[in-house]
Amino acid sequence: MAAALILTAVLALVTYLLVRSGELKIWHVVLVGVLGIYLDRIGWADPVVYAVTWLVQGLTHTT
């Protein structure tokens, strides 16, 4: 749970910095957010969460 919270905070910070620098437009962020909500509603978010968890655990060697 702590790793997910840290990863969320890092991704939020990166998103904020990209929007602030002008390399990422607000509508891009909104579109990706809507896609994330849609994937969660249809049940496809779980495989993505499992894949990210597997990748993070593989890179950090935690169980």
Protein backbone atom coordinates (compact mmCIF):
# COMPACT_ATOMS: atom_id res chain seq x y z
CA MET A 1 0.00 0.00 0.00
CA ALA A 2 2.82 2.40 0.80
CA ALA A 3 4.49 1.78 -2.57
CA ALA A 4 1.22 2.56 -4.37
CA LEU A 5 0.88 5.80 -2.44
CA ILE A 6 4.44 6.85 -3.24
CA LEU A 7 4.01 5.92 -6.91
CA THR A 8 0.78 7.93 -7.07
CA ALA A 9 2.47 10.95 -5.52
CA VAL A 10 5.41 10.75 -7.95
CA LEU A 11 3.10 10.42 -10.96
CA ALA A 12 1.01 13.35 -9.75
CA LEU A 13 4.15 15.47 -9.35
CA VAL A 14 5.43 14.54 -12.81
CA THR A 15 2.03 15.33 -14.33
CA TYR A 16 1.93 18.70 -12.58
CA LEU A 17 5.43 19.58 -13.77
CA LEU A 18 4.67 18.56 -17.36
CA VAL A 19 1.48 20.63 -17.42
CA ARG A 20 3.31 23.58 -15.89
CA SER A 21 6.11 23.38 -18.47
CA GLY A 22 3.62 23.33 -21.33
CA GLU A 23 4.68 19.95 -22.66
CA LEU A 24 1.42 18.37 -21.52
CA LYS A 25 -1.91 20.07 -22.07
CA ILE A 26 -4.74 20.01 -19.55
CA TRP A 27 -7.01 18.18 -22.00
CA HIS A 28 -4.43 15.38 -22.25
CA VAL A 29 -4.57 14.94 -18.47
CA VAL A 30 -8.38 14.96 -18.48
CA LEU A 31 -8.52 12.44 -21.33
CA VAL A 32 -6.13 10.03 -19.60
CA GLY A 33 -8.07 10.44 -16.34
CA VAL A 34 -11.34 9.60 -18.10
CA LEU A 35 -9.67 6.57 -19.70
CA GLY A 36 -8.49 5.42 -16.27
CA ILE A 37 -12.00 5.76 -14.84
CA TYR A 38 -13.44 3.88 -17.83
CA LEU A 39 -10.92 1.05 -17.47
CA ASP A 40 -11.76 0.80 -13.78
CA ARG A 41 -15.51 0.67 -14.50
CA ILE A 42 -15.20 -2.18 -17.02
CA GLY A 43 -12.87 -4.18 -14.79
CA TRP A 44 -9.67 -3.84 -16.79
CA ALA A 45 -7.89 -1.88 -14.09
CA ASP A 46 -7.06 -4.98 -12.04
CA PRO A 47 -4.70 -6.52 -14.64
CA VAL A 48 -2.96 -3.15 -14.99
CA VAL A 49 -2.57 -2.86 -11.20
CA TYR A 50 -1.20 -6.42 -11.00
CA ALA A 51 1.26 -5.74 -13.84
CA VAL A 52 2.52 -2.52 -12.24
CA THR A 53 2.81 -4.23 -8.85
CA TRP A 54 4.77 -7.10 -10.42
CA LEU A 55 7.06 -4.66 -12.21
CA VAL A 56 7.69 -2.49 -9.13
CA GLN A 57 8.36 -5.53 -6.96
CA GLY A 58 10.70 -6.91 -9.60
CA LEU A 59 12.65 -3.68 -9.79
CA THR A 60 12.83 -3.15 -6.03
CA HIS A 61 13.13 -6.82 -5.05
CA THR A 62 10.45 -6.62 -2.36
CA THR A 63 7.80 -9.18 -1.54
